[in-house]
Amino acid sequence: MVRARHMKKEIEAALAYAEQHGWRVQDGGRGHAWGKIHCPYRDAECRCGEFCISSVWSTPKNAGNHARHLRRIVGNCTARR
């Protein structure tokens, strides 16, 4: 299934980065959320599930900071190492 593109190019690039590392990007969030990213590993050792799912905001105050935050979540996944 093809997902919708995010309207902010920085966040779209971060979502592409997450997909390259195996994360699933799900659009169609509620409220202020555009969607969610899901860790492909989802095991109990991966930070106790704290960062297994993260929200992607539709209109963040600073798109660059939110994109860096998403990349940091993907890059710091403990199960990936």
PDB file of N, CA and C in Angstrom:
ATOM      1  N   MET A   1       0.837  -1.168   0.000  1.00  0.00           N
ATOM      2  CA  MET A   1       0.000   0.000   0.000  1.00  0.00           C
ATOM      3  C   MET A   1       0.891   1.244   0.000  1.00  0.00           C
ATOM      4  N   VAL A   2       0.558   2.204  -0.797  1.00  0.00           N
ATOM      5  CA  VAL A   2       1.331   3.434  -0.914  1.00  0.00           C
ATOM      6  C   VAL A   2       0.820   4.430   0.117  1.00  0.00           C
ATOM      7  N   ARG A   3       1.738   5.028   0.842  1.00  0.00           N
ATOM      8  CA  ARG A   3       1.346   6.010   1.851  1.00  0.00           C
ATOM      9  C   ARG A   3       1.356   7.404   1.249  1.00  0.00           C
ATOM     10  N   ALA A   4       0.664   8.306   1.912  1.00  0.00           N
ATOM     11  CA  ALA A   4       0.652   9.703   1.480  1.00  0.00           C
ATOM     12  C   ALA A   4       1.979  10.364   1.846  1.00  0.00           C
ATOM     13  N   ARG A   5       2.375  11.349   1.069  1.00  0.00           N
ATOM     14  CA  ARG A   5       3.604  12.082   1.361  1.00  0.00           C
ATOM     15  C   ARG A   5       3.316  13.128   2.423  1.00  0.00           C
ATOM     16  N   HIS A   6       4.307  13.368   3.276  1.00  0.00           N
ATOM     17  CA  HIS A   6       4.171  14.426   4.276  1.00  0.00           C
ATOM     18  C   HIS A   6       4.412  15.761   3.594  1.00  0.00           C
ATOM     19  N   MET A   7       3.697  16.794   4.012  1.00  0.00           N
ATOM     20  CA  MET A   7       3.784  18.096   3.335  1.00  0.00           C
ATOM     21  C   MET A   7       5.095  18.838   3.604  1.00  0.00           C
ATOM     22  N   LYS A   8       5.805  18.505   4.673  1.00  0.00           N
ATOM     23  CA  LYS A   8       7.087  19.141   4.996  1.00  0.00           C
ATOM     24  C   LYS A   8       8.223  18.270   4.461  1.00  0.00           C
ATOM     25  N   LYS A   9       9.084  18.858   3.628  1.00  0.00           N
ATOM     26  CA  LYS A   9      10.127  18.057   2.965  1.00  0.00           C
ATOM     27  C   LYS A   9      11.129  17.470   3.947  1.00  0.00           C
ATOM     28  N   GLU A  10      11.428  18.171   5.049  1.00  0.00           N
ATOM     29  CA  GLU A  10      12.380  17.651   6.033  1.00  0.00           C
ATOM     30  C   GLU A  10      11.834  16.388   6.698  1.00  0.00           C
ATOM     31  N   ILE A  11      10.554  16.431   7.027  1.00  0.00           N
ATOM     32  CA  ILE A  11       9.936  15.277   7.673  1.00  0.00           C
ATOM     33  C   ILE A  11       9.780  14.132   6.684  1.00  0.00           C
ATOM     34  N   GLU A  12       9.462  14.429   5.439  1.00  0.00           N
ATOM     35  CA  GLU A  12       9.359  13.392   4.414  1.00  0.00           C
ATOM     36  C   GLU A  12      10.701  12.689   4.240  1.00  0.00           C
ATOM     37  N   ALA A  13      11.799  13.446   4.290  1.00  0.00           N
ATOM     38  CA  ALA A  13      13.135  12.846   4.193  1.00  0.00           C
ATOM     39  C   ALA A  13      13.411  11.950   5.403  1.00  0.00           C
ATOM     40  N   ALA A  14      12.972  12.370   6.589  1.00  0.00           N
ATOM     41  CA  ALA A  14      13.158  11.549   7.790  1.00  0.00           C
ATOM     42  C   ALA A  14      12.319  10.271   7.712  1.00  0.00           C
ATOM     43  N   LEU A  15      11.136  10.363   7.132  1.00  0.00           N
ATOM     44  CA  LEU A  15      10.296   9.180   6.961  1.00  0.00           C
ATOM     45  C   LEU A  15      10.921   8.205   5.959  1.00  0.00           C
ATOM     46  N   ALA A  16      11.515   8.734   4.906  1.00  0.00           N
ATOM     47  CA  ALA A  16      12.216   7.882   3.938  1.00  0.00           C
ATOM     48  C   ALA A  16      13.409   7.187   4.607  1.00  0.00           C
ATOM     49  N   TYR A  17      14.116   7.915   5.487  1.00  0.00           N
ATOM     50  CA  TYR A  17      15.230   7.342   6.259  1.00  0.00           C
ATOM     51  C   TYR A  17      14.727   6.187   7.131  1.00  0.00           C
ATOM     52  N   ALA A  18      13.580   6.387   7.780  1.00  0.00           N
ATOM     53  CA  ALA A  18      13.012   5.334   8.626  1.00  0.00           C
ATOM     54  C   ALA A  18      12.638   4.115   7.792  1.00  0.00           C
ATOM     55  N   GLU A  19      12.048   4.331   6.637  1.00  0.00           N
ATOM     56  CA  GLU A  19      11.666   3.212   5.777  1.00  0.00           C
ATOM     57  C   GLU A  19      12.888   2.457   5.270  1.00  0.00           C
ATOM     58  N   GLN A  20      13.986   3.156   4.998  1.00  0.00           N
ATOM     59  CA  GLN A  20      15.213   2.496   4.545  1.00  0.00           C
ATOM     60  C   GLN A  20      15.776   1.575   5.629  1.00  0.00           C
ATOM     61  N   HIS A  21      15.494   1.898   6.886  1.00  0.00           N
ATOM     62  CA  HIS A  21      15.981   1.087   8.000  1.00  0.00           C
ATOM     63  C   HIS A  21      14.938   0.083   8.488  1.00  0.00           C
ATOM     64  N   GLY A  22      13.902  -0.147   7.694  1.00  0.00           N
ATOM     65  CA  GLY A  22      12.940  -1.190   7.991  1.00  0.00           C
ATOM     66  C   GLY A  22      11.736  -0.764   8.808  1.00  0.00           C
ATOM     67  N   TRP A  23      11.675   0.490   9.201  1.00  0.00           N
ATOM     68  CA  TRP A  23      10.537   0.960   9.990  1.00  0.00           C
ATOM     69  C   TRP A  23       9.316   1.087   9.100  1.00  0.00           C
ATOM     70  N   ARG A  24       8.148   0.821   9.666  1.00  0.00           N
ATOM     71  CA  ARG A  24       6.889   0.946   8.940  1.00  0.00           C
ATOM     72  C   ARG A  24       6.309   2.321   9.216  1.00  0.00           C
ATOM     73  N   VAL A  25       5.968   3.047   8.166  1.00  0.00           N
ATOM     74  CA  VAL A  25       5.369   4.374   8.285  1.00  0.00           C
ATOM     75  C   VAL A  25       3.888   4.246   7.983  1.00  0.00           C
ATOM     76  N   GLN A  26       3.071   4.668   8.940  1.00  0.00           N
ATOM     77  CA  GLN A  26       1.615   4.574   8.802  1.00  0.00           C
ATOM     78  C   GLN A  26       1.044   5.982   8.837  1.00  0.00           C
ATOM     79  N   ASP A  27       0.388   6.384   7.765  1.00  0.00           N
ATOM     80  CA  ASP A  27      -0.238   7.705   7.756  1.00  0.00           C
ATOM     81  C   ASP A  27      -1.672   7.578   8.247  1.00  0.00           C
ATOM     82  N   GLY A  28      -2.349   8.713   8.391  1.00  0.00           N
ATOM     83  CA  GLY A  28      -3.736   8.703   8.839  1.00  0.00           C
ATOM     84  C   GLY A  28      -3.881   8.769  10.339  1.00  0.00           C
ATOM     85  N   GLY A  29      -3.185   9.710  10.958  1.00  0.00           N
ATOM     86  CA  GLY A  29      -3.279   9.861  12.404  1.00  0.00           C
ATOM     87  C   GLY A  29      -4.507  10.638  12.828  1.00  0.00           C
ATOM     88  N   ARG A  30      -4.629  10.852  14.107  1.00  0.00           N
ATOM     89  CA  ARG A  30      -5.755  11.598  14.669  1.00  0.00           C
ATOM     90  C   ARG A  30      -5.250  12.876  15.313  1.00  0.00           C
ATOM     91  N   GLY A  31      -6.070  13.888  15.318  1.00  0.00           N
ATOM     92  CA  GLY A  31      -5.712  15.143  15.972  1.00  0.00           C
ATOM     93  C   GLY A  31      -4.554  15.821  15.269  1.00  0.00           C
ATOM     94  N   HIS A  32      -3.498  16.088  16.008  1.00  0.00           N
ATOM     95  CA  HIS A  32      -2.333  16.772  15.452  1.00  0.00           C
ATOM     96  C   HIS A  32      -1.348  15.818  14.787  1.00  0.00           C
ATOM     97  N   ALA A  33      -1.572  14.539  14.947  1.00  0.00           N
ATOM     98  CA  ALA A  33      -0.643  13.561  14.383  1.00  0.00           C
ATOM     99  C   ALA A  33      -0.966  13.288  12.913  1.00  0.00           C
ATOM    100  N   TRP A  34       0.077  13.283  12.078  1.00  0.00           N
ATOM    101  CA  TRP A  34      -0.056  12.920  10.664  1.00  0.00           C
ATOM    102  C   TRP A  34      -0.100  11.403  10.537  1.00  0.00           C
ATOM    103  N   GLY A  35       0.657  10.743  11.411  1.00  0.00           N
ATOM    104  CA  GLY A  35       0.737   9.291  11.379  1.00  0.00           C
ATOM    105  C   GLY A  35       1.683   8.788  12.448  1.00  0.00           C
ATOM    106  N   LYS A  36       2.205   7.571  12.242  1.00  0.00           N
ATOM    107  CA  LYS A  36       3.112   6.956  13.209  1.00  0.00           C
ATOM    108  C   LYS A  36       4.192   6.179  12.481  1.00  0.00           C
ATOM    109  N   ILE A  37       5.323   6.007  13.174  1.00  0.00           N
ATOM    110  CA  ILE A  37       6.357   5.106  12.681  1.00  0.00           C
ATOM    111  C   ILE A  37       6.465   3.960  13.676  1.00  0.00           C
ATOM    112  N   HIS A  38       6.639   2.751  13.159  1.00  0.00           N
ATOM    113  CA  HIS A  38       6.673   1.548  13.983  1.00  0.00           C
ATOM    114  C   HIS A  38       8.011   0.835  13.790  1.00  0.00           C
ATOM    115  N   CYS A  39       8.641   0.482  14.890  1.00  0.00           N
ATOM    116  CA  CYS A  39       9.906  -0.262  14.868  1.00  0.00           C
ATOM    117  C   CYS A  39       9.657  -1.666  14.328  1.00  0.00           C
ATOM    118  N   PRO A  40      10.545  -2.175  13.466  1.00  0.00           N
ATOM    119  CA  PRO A  40      10.333  -3.526  12.923  1.00  0.00           C
ATOM    120  C   PRO A  40      10.669  -4.625  13.921  1.00  0.00           C
ATOM    121  N   TYR A  41      11.407  -4.328  14.977  1.00  0.00           N
ATOM    122  CA  TYR A  41      11.878  -5.361  15.902  1.00  0.00           C
ATOM    123  C   TYR A  41      10.882  -5.655  17.011  1.00  0.00           C
ATOM    124  N   ARG A  42      10.310  -4.635  17.616  1.00  0.00           N
ATOM    125  CA  ARG A  42       9.261  -4.772  18.643  1.00  0.00           C
ATOM    126  C   ARG A  42       9.534  -5.867  19.663  1.00  0.00           C
ATOM    127  N   ASP A  43      10.721  -5.919  20.219  1.00  0.00           N
ATOM    128  CA  ASP A  43      10.943  -6.902  21.267  1.00  0.00           C
ATOM    129  C   ASP A  43      11.042  -6.199  22.618  1.00  0.00           C
ATOM    130  N   ALA A  44      10.919  -6.959  23.675  1.00  0.00           N
ATOM    131  CA  ALA A  44      10.888  -6.388  25.024  1.00  0.00           C
ATOM    132  C   ALA A  44      12.225  -5.741  25.404  1.00  0.00           C
ATOM    133  N   GLU A  45      13.313  -6.164  24.784  1.00  0.00           N
ATOM    134  CA  GLU A  45      14.636  -5.632  25.102  1.00  0.00           C
ATOM    135  C   GLU A  45      14.858  -4.248  24.490  1.00  0.00           C
ATOM    136  N   CYS A  46      14.083  -3.894  23.503  1.00  0.00           N
ATOM    137  CA  CYS A  46      14.260  -2.622  22.801  1.00  0.00           C
ATOM    138  C   CYS A  46      13.633  -1.484  23.612  1.00  0.00           C
ATOM    139  N   ARG A  47      14.360  -1.012  24.599  1.00  0.00           N
ATOM    140  CA  ARG A  47      13.925   0.099  25.455  1.00  0.00           C
ATOM    141  C   ARG A  47      12.559  -0.133  26.074  1.00  0.00           C
ATOM    142  N   CYS A  48      12.242  -1.363  26.343  1.00  0.00           N
ATOM    143  CA  CYS A  48      10.958  -1.736  26.963  1.00  0.00           C
ATOM    144  C   CYS A  48       9.771  -1.250  26.142  1.00  0.00           C
ATOM    145  N   GLY A  49       9.937  -1.122  24.845  1.00  0.00           N
ATOM    146  CA  GLY A  49       8.850  -0.688  23.984  1.00  0.00           C
ATOM    147  C   GLY A  49       8.610   0.808  23.993  1.00  0.00           C
ATOM    148  N   GLU A  50       9.477   1.565  24.677  1.00  0.00           N
ATOM    149  CA  GLU A  50       9.258   3.008  24.810  1.00  0.00           C
ATOM    150  C   GLU A  50       9.281   3.722  23.468  1.00  0.00           C
ATOM    151  N   PHE A  51      10.194   3.337  22.588  1.00  0.00           N
ATOM    152  CA  PHE A  51      10.299   4.000  21.301  1.00  0.00           C
ATOM    153  C   PHE A  51       9.911   3.089  20.145  1.00  0.00           C
ATOM    154  N   CYS A  52       9.151   2.042  20.408  1.00  0.00           N
ATOM    155  CA  CYS A  52       8.745   1.145  19.336  1.00  0.00           C
ATOM    156  C   CYS A  52       7.734   1.802  18.401  1.00  0.00           C
ATOM    157  N   ILE A  53       6.982   2.769  18.923  1.00  0.00           N
ATOM    158  CA  ILE A  53       6.021   3.517  18.120  1.00  0.00           C
ATOM    159  C   ILE A  53       6.206   4.990  18.444  1.00  0.00           C
ATOM    160  N   SER A  54       6.250   5.812  17.418  1.00  0.00           N
ATOM    161  CA  SER A  54       6.385   7.250  17.638  1.00  0.00           C
ATOM    162  C   SER A  54       5.450   7.995  16.691  1.00  0.00           C
ATOM    163  N   SER A  55       4.864   9.076  17.193  1.00  0.00           N
ATOM    164  CA  SER A  55       3.949   9.888  16.383  1.00  0.00           C
ATOM    165  C   SER A  55       4.715  10.829  15.469  1.00  0.00           C
ATOM    166  N   VAL A  56       4.156  11.044  14.287  1.00  0.00           N
ATOM    167  CA  VAL A  56       4.682  12.014  13.331  1.00  0.00           C
ATOM    168  C   VAL A  56       3.674  13.153  13.281  1.00  0.00           C
ATOM    169  N   TRP A  57       4.089  14.348  13.668  1.00  0.00           N
ATOM    170  CA  TRP A  57       3.178  15.484  13.713  1.00  0.00           C
ATOM    171  C   TRP A  57       2.931  16.045  12.323  1.00  0.00           C
ATOM    172  N   SER A  58       1.724  16.513  12.098  1.00  0.00           N
ATOM    173  CA  SER A  58       1.378  17.068  10.792  1.00  0.00           C
ATOM    174  C   SER A  58       1.908  18.485  10.628  1.00  0.00           C
ATOM    175  N   THR A  59       1.814  19.300  11.670  1.00  0.00           N
ATOM    176  CA  THR A  59       2.279  20.685  11.588  1.00  0.00           C
ATOM    177  C   THR A  59       3.121  21.021  12.816  1.00  0.00           C
ATOM    178  N   PRO A  60       4.354  20.527  12.863  1.00  0.00           N
ATOM    179  CA  PRO A  60       5.201  20.840  14.016  1.00  0.00           C
ATOM    180  C   PRO A  60       5.624  22.306  13.994  1.00  0.00           C
ATOM    181  N   LYS A  61       5.969  22.822  15.158  1.00  0.00           N
ATOM    182  CA  LYS A  61       6.416  24.210  15.255  1.00  0.00           C
ATOM    183  C   LYS A  61       7.692  24.415  14.442  1.00  0.00           C
ATOM    184  N   ASN A  62       8.597  23.443  14.511  1.00  0.00           N
ATOM    185  CA  ASN A  62       9.845  23.504  13.766  1.00  0.00           C
ATOM    186  C   ASN A  62      10.027  22.154  13.060  1.00  0.00           C
ATOM    187  N   ALA A  63       9.820  22.127  11.763  1.00  0.00           N
ATOM    188  CA  ALA A  63       9.876  20.873  11.005  1.00  0.00           C
ATOM    189  C   ALA A  63      11.265  20.244  11.035  1.00  0.00           C
ATOM    190  N   GLY A  64      12.311  21.061  11.027  1.00  0.00           N
ATOM    191  CA  GLY A  64      13.674  20.529  11.063  1.00  0.00           C
ATOM    192  C   GLY A  64      13.969  19.807  12.364  1.00  0.00           C
ATOM    193  N   ASN A  65      13.536  20.369  13.478  1.00  0.00           N
ATOM    194  CA  ASN A  65      13.748  19.724  14.776  1.00  0.00           C
ATOM    195  C   ASN A  65      12.966  18.418  14.874  1.00  0.00           C
ATOM    196  N   HIS A  66      11.738  18.420  14.373  1.00  0.00           N
ATOM    197  CA  HIS A  66      10.931  17.203  14.434  1.00  0.00           C
ATOM    198  C   HIS A  66      11.544  16.122  13.543  1.00  0.00           C
ATOM    199  N   ALA A  67      12.052  16.500  12.392  1.00  0.00           N
ATOM    200  CA  ALA A  67      12.706  15.532  11.500  1.00  0.00           C
ATOM    201  C   ALA A  67      13.951  14.948  12.171  1.00  0.00           C
ATOM    202  N   ARG A  68      14.749  15.787  12.837  1.00  0.00           N
ATOM    203  CA  ARG A  68      15.928  15.294  13.563  1.00  0.00           C
ATOM    204  C   ARG A  68      15.515  14.346  14.688  1.00  0.00           C
ATOM    205  N   HIS A  69      14.421  14.670  15.360  1.00  0.00           N
ATOM    206  CA  HIS A  69      13.914  13.810  16.426  1.00  0.00           C
ATOM    207  C   HIS A  69      13.535  12.430  15.883  1.00  0.00           C
ATOM    208  N   LEU A  70      12.867  12.389  14.748  1.00  0.00           N
ATOM    209  CA  LEU A  70      12.480  11.112  14.143  1.00  0.00           C
ATOM    210  C   LEU A  70      13.706  10.310  13.726  1.00  0.00           C
ATOM    211  N   ARG A  71      14.694  10.982  13.131  1.00  0.00           N
ATOM    212  CA  ARG A  71      15.933  10.293  12.740  1.00  0.00           C
ATOM    213  C   ARG A  71      16.670   9.749  13.962  1.00  0.00           C
ATOM    214  N   ARG A  72      16.641  10.493  15.058  1.00  0.00           N
ATOM    215  CA  ARG A  72      17.304  10.066  16.289  1.00  0.00           C
ATOM    216  C   ARG A  72      16.634   8.815  16.848  1.00  0.00           C
ATOM    217  N   ILE A  73      15.320   8.765  16.782  1.00  0.00           N
ATOM    218  CA  ILE A  73      14.595   7.580  17.253  1.00  0.00           C
ATOM    219  C   ILE A  73      14.994   6.359  16.443  1.00  0.00           C
ATOM    220  N   VAL A  74      15.048   6.489  15.136  1.00  0.00           N
ATOM    221  CA  VAL A  74      15.419   5.375  14.259  1.00  0.00           C
ATOM    222  C   VAL A  74      16.887   4.987  14.485  1.00  0.00           C
ATOM    223  N   GLY A  75      17.756   5.980  14.553  1.00  0.00           N
ATOM    224  CA  GLY A  75      19.179   5.706  14.712  1.00  0.00           C
ATOM    225  C   GLY A  75      19.567   5.138  16.059  1.00  0.00           C
ATOM    226  N   ASN A  76      18.817   5.438  17.105  1.00  0.00           N
ATOM    227  CA  ASN A  76      19.142   4.965  18.452  1.00  0.00           C
ATOM    228  C   ASN A  76      18.396   3.704  18.845  1.00  0.00           C
ATOM    229  N   CYS A  77      17.773   3.049  17.901  1.00  0.00           N
ATOM    230  CA  CYS A  77      17.055   1.813  18.203  1.00  0.00           C
ATOM    231  C   CYS A  77      18.056   0.764  18.690  1.00  0.00           C
ATOM    232  N   THR A  78      17.856   0.254  19.899  1.00  0.00           N
ATOM    233  CA  THR A  78      18.818  -0.661  20.485  1.00  0.00           C
ATOM    234  C   THR A  78      18.795  -2.040  19.831  1.00  0.00           C
ATOM    235  N   ALA A  79      17.672  -2.458  19.283  1.00  0.00           N
ATOM    236  CA  ALA A  79      17.585  -3.778  18.650  1.00  0.00           C
ATOM    237  C   ALA A  79      18.320  -3.815  17.325  1.00  0.00           C
ATOM    238  N   ARG A  80      18.505  -2.662  16.704  1.00  0.00           N
ATOM    239  CA  ARG A  80      19.146  -2.594  15.385  1.00  0.00           C
ATOM    240  C   ARG A  80      20.640  -2.852  15.469  1.00  0.00           C
ATOM    241  N   ARG A  81      21.229  -2.605  16.598  1.00  0.00           N
ATOM    242  CA  ARG A  81      22.702  -2.715  16.740  1.00  0.00           C
ATOM    243  C   ARG A  81      23.182  -4.108  16.781  1.00  0.00           C
TER     244      ARG A  81
END
